[in-house]
Amino acid sequence: MITKKRGVLVIQFNWMYVMVIGAVIIIFFVMLANNIRKNSNESLNFDILNYMDEIFVGIETSSQVEHSINLPGVDLRVDCQGYTIKNSRHEGKSLKNRIVFSPDLLTKEIVSYTLYFEAPFKTSFFLFLTSKQMQYVPLDDDLTDSESYANQLVNELPENLNLYYDDPETKEMISEFSDYEEDNHYKIKFIMFDTDPDDSYPAASIDKGKTKNRDISLIVIDPNEDTFKIDEYDTNKPELSFPDGSGEVKFYTYNGEEFVRDDSADEVYPPPAPSFGYLNKATLFGAIYSQDAYNYDCNMAKGLKRLSLMSEMLNSRIEHIEKTDEDFNDLGECSGFYEESKKLLYDSGSEGTIQSIANRQDISEEHLNKLFDFIYENGLVFYNDELQQKSCPMIY
């Protein structure tokens, strides 16, 4: 009897041993399969990042061009400094030398647009990215006015931007938040003009569907009419119309009941952050495409830095034109335009030039209005046009 019991115990022990070893083997192969899958995914992610970098290089070769890029089952995280694949170990690619306005997450289908940043000379490319699955909702407070700011903006925005219309066929916009009907979008950005959100625009009535509060935002655009309404007696002012010209932009986030001021840029400026400005169509588009105030500020700082460097280079160009002329007086009346242009472009001892204002990388409405004045109101564009008419070497 004792022997039989020992045999039973041995058999039971053997079965337990087999089960433990079997479980270990199964766990090993499961872990191995997971590691292979993860390594395979990371390898794919690495290839995708390199592929996206090549695409961005190709996109930045011409202005006013639209592109569509399908993401192969991954999402991109984007900020002012770089982009990476969501939930990937790879550190991603740097955007240090690129100016890219984008929401913080791009999914499924990326749509892009490019514009030169001209102020008034070309300084750099602005790249605008968003997703077809993100919706932009312009509000028009005067649906009867075909020349309203909302209509003028919509006519200038890229066709691949996912705009919401009350009537898609006629492109009739909505006038209130309550008119919006959500249809499965992961982000929603409302666009208003002149008027801040208040009791007359009850935001609590927004039909947000499954969209999270943090993914709903608002930008308010307040154009400075003095910068694009033409005064027939002011021959120095170039012909500009909205969305060119300067103005103010305000950023808001949504808390589920109302829109509140976006404080993301308070870490850059002593709070509260100043009213942000825009300088022309390219910079206004940048504000619309940006995730928030901070990312708009960060990318605009890059653009202004390049504008500052370009202003210094153009000042050197004028000096070269003057020096290479055998007799400075041969430039005749053009010499005066060169001298005035140099005063506007660059003076190492002055804070009142395009170079010095841009070099501050301050995108407050106050500073961008000053910059606009030096470019347009005070005559750099005018001087360049006069040089062209008189067949003298142009500044830019």
Protein backbone atom coordinates (compact mmCIF):
# COMPACT_ATOMS: atom_id res chain seq x y z
CA MET A 1 0.00 0.00 0.00
CA ILE A 2 2.83 2.33 0.80
CA THR A 3 4.51 1.60 -2.52
CA LYS A 4 1.31 2.27 -4.40
CA LYS A 5 0.90 5.61 -2.66
CA ARG A 6 4.47 6.57 -3.54
CA GLY A 7 3.73 5.71 -7.15
CA VAL A 8 0.67 7.93 -7.14
CA LEU A 9 2.68 10.75 -5.62
CA VAL A 10 5.41 10.36 -8.22
CA ILE A 11 2.88 10.37 -11.05
CA GLN A 12 1.18 13.46 -9.63
CA PHE A 13 4.54 15.19 -9.24
CA ASN A 14 5.47 14.34 -12.84
CA TRP A 15 2.21 15.79 -14.13
CA MET A 16 2.73 18.97 -12.11
CA TYR A 17 6.27 19.20 -13.46
CA VAL A 18 5.03 18.81 -17.03
CA MET A 19 2.34 21.46 -16.49
CA VAL A 20 4.82 23.96 -15.01
CA ILE A 21 7.36 23.39 -17.78
CA GLY A 22 4.59 23.61 -20.36
CA ALA A 23 3.35 26.88 -18.92
CA VAL A 24 6.89 28.28 -18.93
CA ILE A 25 7.34 27.26 -22.57
CA ILE A 26 4.01 28.82 -23.55
CA ILE A 27 4.85 32.06 -21.71
CA PHE A 28 8.26 32.09 -23.39
CA PHE A 29 6.81 31.78 -26.88
CA VAL A 30 4.07 34.33 -26.16
CA MET A 31 6.70 36.80 -24.95
CA LEU A 32 8.88 35.99 -27.95
CA ALA A 33 5.97 36.57 -30.32
CA ASN A 34 5.12 39.86 -28.59
CA ASN A 35 8.74 41.00 -28.80
CA ILE A 36 8.91 40.07 -32.46
CA ARG A 37 5.67 41.96 -33.10
CA LYS A 38 6.87 44.99 -31.10
CA ASN A 39 10.23 45.01 -32.85
CA SER A 40 8.49 44.65 -36.18
CA ASN A 41 6.15 47.54 -35.31
CA GLU A 42 9.03 49.71 -34.11
CA SER A 43 10.94 48.94 -37.31
CA LEU A 44 7.85 49.95 -39.28
CA ASN A 45 7.47 53.09 -37.17
CA PHE A 46 11.08 54.02 -37.86
CA ASP A 47 10.50 53.61 -41.60
CA ILE A 48 7.32 55.69 -41.40
CA LEU A 49 9.14 58.54 -39.64
CA ASN A 50 11.83 58.59 -42.31
CA TYR A 51 9.16 58.41 -45.00
CA MET A 52 7.28 61.35 -43.49
CA ASP A 53 10.48 63.38 -43.30
CA GLU A 54 11.08 62.81 -47.01
CA ILE A 55 7.49 63.79 -47.77
CA PHE A 56 7.81 67.04 -45.82
CA VAL A 57 10.99 67.89 -47.72
CA GLY A 58 9.18 67.30 -51.00
CA ILE A 59 6.15 69.32 -49.98
CA GLU A 60 8.26 72.37 -49.14
CA THR A 61 9.29 72.97 -52.75
CA SER A 62 6.40 75.09 -53.96
CA SER A 63 3.84 77.47 -52.52
CA GLN A 64 0.03 77.18 -52.49
CA VAL A 65 0.05 73.42 -53.13
CA GLU A 66 -2.23 70.90 -51.42
CA HIS A 67 -1.28 67.31 -50.61
CA SER A 68 -2.94 64.30 -49.01
CA ILE A 69 -0.99 61.66 -47.05
CA ASN A 70 -2.53 58.43 -45.74
CA LEU A 71 -1.10 57.18 -42.44
CA PRO A 72 -0.68 53.35 -42.37
CA GLY A 73 -2.47 52.59 -39.11
CA VAL A 74 -0.51 55.00 -36.92
CA ASP A 75 -1.08 58.45 -35.41
CA LEU A 76 1.45 61.29 -35.39
CA ARG A 77 2.13 63.47 -32.35
CA VAL A 78 3.22 66.94 -33.46
CA ASP A 79 4.50 70.00 -31.64
CA CYS A 80 6.68 72.98 -32.48
CA GLN A 81 9.92 71.05 -31.90
CA GLY A 82 9.21 67.78 -33.68
CA TYR A 83 6.91 64.89 -34.43
CA THR A 84 6.78 61.23 -33.46
CA ILE A 85 4.49 58.23 -33.74
CA LYS A 86 2.02 57.87 -30.89
CA ASN A 87 3.00 55.11 -28.40
CA SER A 88 6.33 54.49 -30.14
CA ARG A 89 9.76 54.18 -28.50
CA HIS A 90 11.40 56.18 -31.28
CA GLU A 91 12.17 59.75 -30.31
CA GLY A 92 10.86 61.06 -33.61
CA LYS A 93 12.06 63.71 -36.02
CA SER A 94 13.04 67.28 -35.25
CA LEU A 95 11.18 70.30 -36.63
CA LYS A 96 13.78 72.72 -35.31
CA ASN A 97 14.51 74.06 -38.80
CA ARG A 98 10.95 73.85 -40.12
CA ILE A 99 7.91 76.00 -39.49
CA VAL A 100 4.95 73.64 -39.20
CA PHE A 101 1.53 74.74 -37.95
CA SER A 102 -0.52 71.73 -36.89
CA PRO A 103 -2.85 70.22 -34.29
CA ASP A 104 -1.06 68.06 -31.72
CA LEU A 105 -2.40 64.79 -33.17
CA LEU A 106 -2.71 63.74 -36.81
CA THR A 107 -4.64 60.60 -37.67
CA LYS A 108 -5.66 58.52 -40.70
CA GLU A 109 -5.41 61.08 -43.53
CA ILE A 110 -3.10 64.09 -43.30
CA VAL A 111 -3.85 67.06 -45.55
CA SER A 112 -1.19 69.70 -46.09
CA TYR A 113 -0.83 73.16 -47.58
CA THR A 114 2.18 75.42 -48.12
CA LEU A 115 2.61 79.17 -48.32
CA TYR A 116 5.59 81.47 -48.52
CA PHE A 117 5.97 83.76 -45.54
CA GLU A 118 6.37 87.07 -47.36
CA ALA A 119 6.88 90.21 -45.32
CA PRO A 120 7.03 91.51 -48.01
CA PHE A 121 10.04 89.54 -49.32
CA LYS A 122 10.11 85.74 -49.17
CA THR A 123 11.73 84.52 -45.98
CA SER A 124 10.65 80.91 -45.48
CA PHE A 125 8.04 78.25 -46.19
CA PHE A 126 5.11 77.81 -43.85
CA LEU A 127 3.83 74.23 -43.80
CA PHE A 128 0.25 73.69 -42.62
CA LEU A 129 -0.84 70.21 -41.52
CA THR A 130 -4.14 68.86 -40.30
CA SER A 131 -6.25 65.74 -40.59
CA LYS A 132 -9.26 65.12 -42.78
CA GLN A 133 -10.91 63.77 -39.63
CA MET A 134 -10.66 67.17 -37.89
CA GLN A 135 -13.43 69.68 -38.58
CA TYR A 136 -13.20 73.47 -38.83
CA VAL A 137 -16.41 75.40 -38.21
CA PRO A 138 -16.57 79.06 -39.34
CA LEU A 139 -19.39 81.12 -37.82
CA ASP A 140 -20.80 83.91 -39.97
CA ASP A 141 -22.82 86.47 -38.02
CA ASP A 142 -24.15 88.00 -41.25
CA LEU A 143 -25.27 85.24 -43.60
CA THR A 144 -26.65 87.80 -46.08
CA ASP A 145 -23.27 89.47 -46.69
CA SER A 146 -21.28 87.72 -49.42
CA GLU A 147 -18.28 89.90 -48.54
CA SER A 148 -18.29 89.08 -44.83
CA TYR A 149 -14.97 88.17 -43.23
CA ALA A 150 -16.15 84.56 -42.95
CA ASN A 151 -16.88 84.33 -46.68
CA GLN A 152 -13.61 86.01 -47.63
CA LEU A 153 -11.66 83.62 -45.42
CA VAL A 154 -13.45 80.50 -46.68
CA ASN A 155 -12.70 81.52 -50.26
CA GLU A 156 -8.98 81.67 -49.44
CA LEU A 157 -8.62 78.55 -47.29
CA PRO A 158 -7.31 75.36 -48.96
CA GLU A 159 -9.94 73.14 -50.53
CA ASN A 160 -8.68 70.08 -48.64
CA LEU A 161 -9.54 71.64 -45.27
CA ASN A 162 -12.58 69.93 -43.73
CA LEU A 163 -14.96 72.89 -43.32
CA TYR A 164 -18.43 72.54 -41.85
CA TYR A 165 -21.39 74.06 -43.70
CA ASP A 166 -25.05 74.20 -42.80
CA ASP A 167 -25.68 73.58 -46.49
CA PRO A 168 -22.66 71.96 -48.23
CA GLU A 169 -24.05 72.62 -51.72
CA THR A 170 -24.40 76.38 -51.29
CA LYS A 171 -21.58 76.56 -48.71
CA GLU A 172 -23.89 78.41 -46.34
CA MET A 173 -22.29 78.68 -42.91
CA ILE A 174 -23.85 78.61 -39.47
CA SER A 175 -24.20 81.68 -37.27
CA GLU A 176 -24.44 80.09 -33.80
CA PHE A 177 -22.81 77.22 -31.92
CA SER A 178 -26.21 75.56 -31.49
CA ASP A 179 -26.52 75.16 -35.28
CA TYR A 180 -23.58 72.77 -35.38
CA GLU A 181 -24.27 69.03 -35.73
CA GLU A 182 -21.31 66.80 -34.87
CA ASP A 183 -20.55 63.81 -37.10
CA ASN A 184 -17.74 61.74 -35.58
CA HIS A 185 -14.68 64.02 -35.60
CA TYR A 186 -11.80 63.65 -33.16
CA LYS A 187 -11.15 67.41 -33.06
CA ILE A 188 -13.33 70.47 -33.70
CA LYS A 189 -12.17 74.07 -34.09
CA PHE A 190 -14.65 76.94 -34.30
CA ILE A 191 -13.71 80.19 -36.07
CA MET A 192 -15.36 83.50 -35.16
CA PHE A 193 -14.82 87.13 -36.15
CA ASP A 194 -14.74 90.34 -34.12
CA THR A 195 -16.94 89.06 -31.29
CA ASP A 196 -15.69 87.17 -28.25
CA PRO A 197 -17.75 84.20 -27.04
CA ASP A 198 -20.26 85.34 -24.41
CA ASP A 199 -23.90 84.94 -23.48
CA SER A 200 -24.94 85.86 -27.02
CA TYR A 201 -23.11 82.74 -28.23
CA PRO A 202 -24.05 80.05 -25.66
CA ALA A 203 -21.29 77.45 -26.03
CA ALA A 204 -22.98 74.97 -23.69
CA SER A 205 -25.36 74.10 -26.51
CA ILE A 206 -22.61 72.66 -28.72
CA ASP A 207 -23.40 69.23 -30.15
CA LYS A 208 -19.98 67.66 -29.53
CA GLY A 209 -20.92 64.00 -29.95
CA LYS A 210 -18.06 61.81 -28.68
CA THR A 211 -15.46 64.56 -29.11
CA LYS A 212 -13.66 65.27 -25.84
CA ASN A 213 -13.78 68.76 -24.34
CA ARG A 214 -9.99 69.15 -24.62
CA ASP A 215 -10.24 68.54 -28.37
CA ILE A 216 -12.68 71.40 -28.94
CA SER A 217 -11.25 74.89 -29.43
CA LEU A 218 -12.06 78.33 -30.76
CA ILE A 219 -10.12 81.08 -32.50
CA VAL A 220 -11.48 84.63 -32.73
CA ILE A 221 -10.13 86.80 -35.56
CA ASP A 222 -10.31 90.58 -35.32
CA PRO A 223 -8.94 92.14 -38.54
CA ASN A 224 -7.42 95.61 -38.43
CA GLU A 225 -9.41 97.32 -41.17
CA ASP A 226 -6.94 100.19 -41.39
CA THR A 227 -4.34 97.83 -42.86
CA PHE A 228 -6.31 96.75 -45.91
CA LYS A 229 -8.94 99.39 -46.62
CA ILE A 230 -7.47 101.48 -49.39
CA ASP A 231 -7.22 105.22 -48.97
CA GLU A 232 -7.15 106.69 -52.47
CA TYR A 233 -5.05 109.61 -51.23
CA ASP A 234 -2.41 107.38 -49.64
CA THR A 235 -0.30 106.31 -52.60
CA ASN A 236 2.25 104.63 -50.32
CA LYS A 237 -0.23 102.01 -49.11
CA PRO A 238 -0.31 98.81 -51.22
CA GLU A 239 -3.59 97.22 -52.20
CA LEU A 240 -4.39 94.63 -49.57
CA SER A 241 -7.59 92.82 -48.70
CA PHE A 242 -8.56 90.35 -45.99
CA PRO A 243 -7.16 87.85 -45.09
CA ASP A 244 -4.02 89.86 -45.82
CA GLY A 245 -3.40 92.86 -43.62
CA SER A 246 -2.77 92.59 -39.90
CA GLY A 247 -5.06 91.97 -36.96
CA GLU A 248 -5.59 90.20 -33.66
CA VAL A 249 -6.19 86.51 -32.93
CA LYS A 250 -7.49 85.08 -29.65
CA PHE A 251 -7.33 81.43 -28.63
CA TYR A 252 -9.88 79.62 -26.46
CA THR A 253 -10.32 76.15 -25.01
CA TYR A 254 -13.60 74.44 -24.09
CA ASN A 255 -14.50 73.21 -20.59
CA GLY A 256 -17.83 71.62 -21.46
CA GLU A 257 -19.90 74.70 -20.65
CA GLU A 258 -18.07 77.67 -22.12
CA PHE A 259 -14.97 78.77 -23.98
CA VAL A 260 -12.19 80.11 -21.75
CA ARG A 261 -8.96 81.89 -22.62
CA ASP A 262 -6.17 79.57 -23.77
CA ASP A 263 -3.37 80.03 -21.22
CA SER A 264 -0.85 77.69 -22.91
CA ALA A 265 1.45 80.61 -23.80
CA ASP A 266 1.57 82.02 -20.27
CA GLU A 267 4.87 80.19 -19.78
CA VAL A 268 6.38 82.29 -22.58
CA TYR A 269 4.97 85.66 -21.55
CA PRO A 270 4.29 86.98 -18.05
CA PRO A 271 0.64 86.04 -17.48
CA PRO A 272 -1.72 86.94 -18.74
CA ALA A 273 -0.26 86.47 -22.21
CA PRO A 274 -0.76 89.46 -24.54
CA SER A 275 -3.23 89.60 -27.38
CA PHE A 276 -1.59 87.78 -30.26
CA GLY A 277 -1.39 89.31 -33.69
CA TYR A 278 -1.08 88.17 -37.28
CA LEU A 279 0.77 89.89 -40.09
CA ASN A 280 -0.72 88.55 -43.32
CA LYS A 281 -2.59 85.57 -44.77
CA ALA A 282 0.21 83.08 -44.11
CA THR A 283 0.43 83.97 -40.42
CA LEU A 284 -3.37 83.99 -40.05
CA PHE A 285 -3.51 80.50 -41.53
CA GLY A 286 -0.83 79.55 -39.02
CA ALA A 287 -3.09 80.63 -36.16
CA ILE A 288 -6.02 78.64 -37.58
CA TYR A 289 -4.01 75.44 -38.04
CA SER A 290 -2.14 75.67 -34.70
CA GLN A 291 -3.09 73.44 -31.79
CA ASP A 292 -3.04 76.36 -29.34
CA ALA A 293 -1.55 79.75 -28.53
CA TYR A 294 1.78 78.25 -27.44
CA ASN A 295 2.39 76.42 -30.71
CA TYR A 296 1.38 79.46 -32.74
CA ASP A 297 3.81 81.59 -30.76
CA CYS A 298 6.64 79.05 -31.05
CA ASN A 299 6.38 78.68 -34.83
CA MET A 300 5.91 82.40 -35.40
CA ALA A 301 9.08 83.03 -33.38
CA LYS A 302 10.94 80.87 -35.91
CA GLY A 303 9.41 82.84 -38.78
CA LEU A 304 10.31 86.20 -37.25
CA LYS A 305 13.87 85.04 -36.61
CA ARG A 306 14.27 84.27 -40.31
CA LEU A 307 12.67 87.59 -41.20
CA SER A 308 15.24 89.32 -39.01
CA LEU A 309 18.14 87.53 -40.72
CA MET A 310 16.69 88.22 -44.16
CA SER A 311 16.33 91.93 -43.37
CA GLU A 312 20.01 92.10 -42.48
CA MET A 313 20.91 90.33 -45.72
CA LEU A 314 18.83 92.74 -47.80
CA ASN A 315 20.50 95.67 -46.09
CA SER A 316 23.85 94.19 -47.16
CA ARG A 317 22.48 93.83 -50.69
CA ILE A 318 21.68 97.54 -50.83
CA GLU A 319 25.18 98.40 -49.60
CA HIS A 320 26.62 96.11 -52.27
CA ILE A 321 24.55 97.86 -54.97
CA GLU A 322 25.84 101.22 -53.79
CA LYS A 323 29.48 100.11 -53.58
CA THR A 324 29.58 98.39 -56.95
CA ASP A 325 28.34 101.47 -58.73
CA GLU A 326 31.37 103.38 -60.02
CA ASP A 327 29.80 106.66 -59.11
CA PHE A 328 27.11 106.69 -56.43
CA ASN A 329 25.54 109.72 -58.05
CA ASP A 330 24.81 107.65 -61.17
CA LEU A 331 21.99 106.05 -59.23
CA GLY A 332 20.28 109.41 -59.41
CA GLU A 333 16.95 109.66 -57.66
CA CYS A 334 17.08 105.94 -56.88
CA SER A 335 19.78 106.60 -54.26
CA GLY A 336 17.20 108.22 -51.99
CA PHE A 337 14.99 105.12 -52.09
CA TYR A 338 17.96 102.94 -51.16
CA GLU A 339 18.85 105.15 -48.21
CA GLU A 340 15.29 105.22 -46.89
CA SER A 341 14.98 101.45 -47.31
CA LYS A 342 18.15 100.86 -45.30
CA LYS A 343 16.70 102.91 -42.45
CA LEU A 344 13.66 100.65 -42.44
CA LEU A 345 15.52 97.36 -42.81
CA TYR A 346 18.49 97.41 -40.49
CA ASP A 347 20.39 99.66 -38.12
CA SER A 348 22.56 97.99 -35.49
CA GLY A 349 22.01 100.92 -33.13
CA SER A 350 18.27 101.28 -33.58
CA GLU A 351 15.29 99.37 -32.24
CA GLY A 352 13.01 100.86 -34.88
CA THR A 353 13.76 98.67 -37.90
CA ILE A 354 12.21 95.56 -39.43
CA GLN A 355 15.25 93.55 -38.34
CA SER A 356 15.19 94.71 -34.73
CA ILE A 357 11.42 94.32 -34.28
CA ALA A 358 11.41 90.85 -35.85
CA ASN A 359 14.45 89.81 -33.82
CA ARG A 360 12.47 90.21 -30.59
CA GLN A 361 10.32 87.28 -31.75
CA ASP A 362 7.38 88.90 -30.00
CA ILE A 363 4.08 88.08 -31.71
CA SER A 364 1.87 90.30 -29.63
CA GLU A 365 -0.59 92.37 -31.62
CA GLU A 366 1.29 95.52 -30.65
CA HIS A 367 4.63 94.36 -32.06
CA LEU A 368 3.22 92.82 -35.24
CA ASN A 369 1.33 96.04 -35.95
CA LYS A 370 4.63 97.93 -35.65
CA LEU A 371 6.23 95.46 -38.02
CA PHE A 372 3.36 95.86 -40.47
CA ASP A 373 3.81 99.64 -40.39
CA PHE A 374 7.51 99.39 -41.24
CA ILE A 375 6.81 97.03 -44.13
CA TYR A 376 3.77 98.73 -45.63
CA GLU A 377 2.73 102.00 -44.02
CA ASN A 378 6.24 103.46 -43.92
CA GLY A 379 7.16 102.56 -47.43
CA LEU A 380 9.46 99.53 -47.95
CA VAL A 381 7.01 98.09 -50.48
CA PHE A 382 6.56 101.53 -52.01
CA TYR A 383 10.33 102.10 -52.33
CA ASN A 384 10.85 98.72 -53.97
CA ASP A 385 8.08 99.40 -56.49
CA GLU A 386 9.57 102.80 -57.31
CA LEU A 387 12.98 101.24 -57.92
CA GLN A 388 11.40 98.77 -60.31
CA GLN A 389 9.62 101.51 -62.25
CA LYS A 390 12.86 103.47 -62.56
CA SER A 391 14.74 100.37 -63.80
CA CYS A 392 17.07 100.38 -60.79
CA PRO A 393 18.18 97.17 -59.02
CA MET A 394 15.35 96.14 -56.71
CA ILE A 395 15.77 95.48 -53.01
CA TYR A 396 14.01 92.12 -53.14
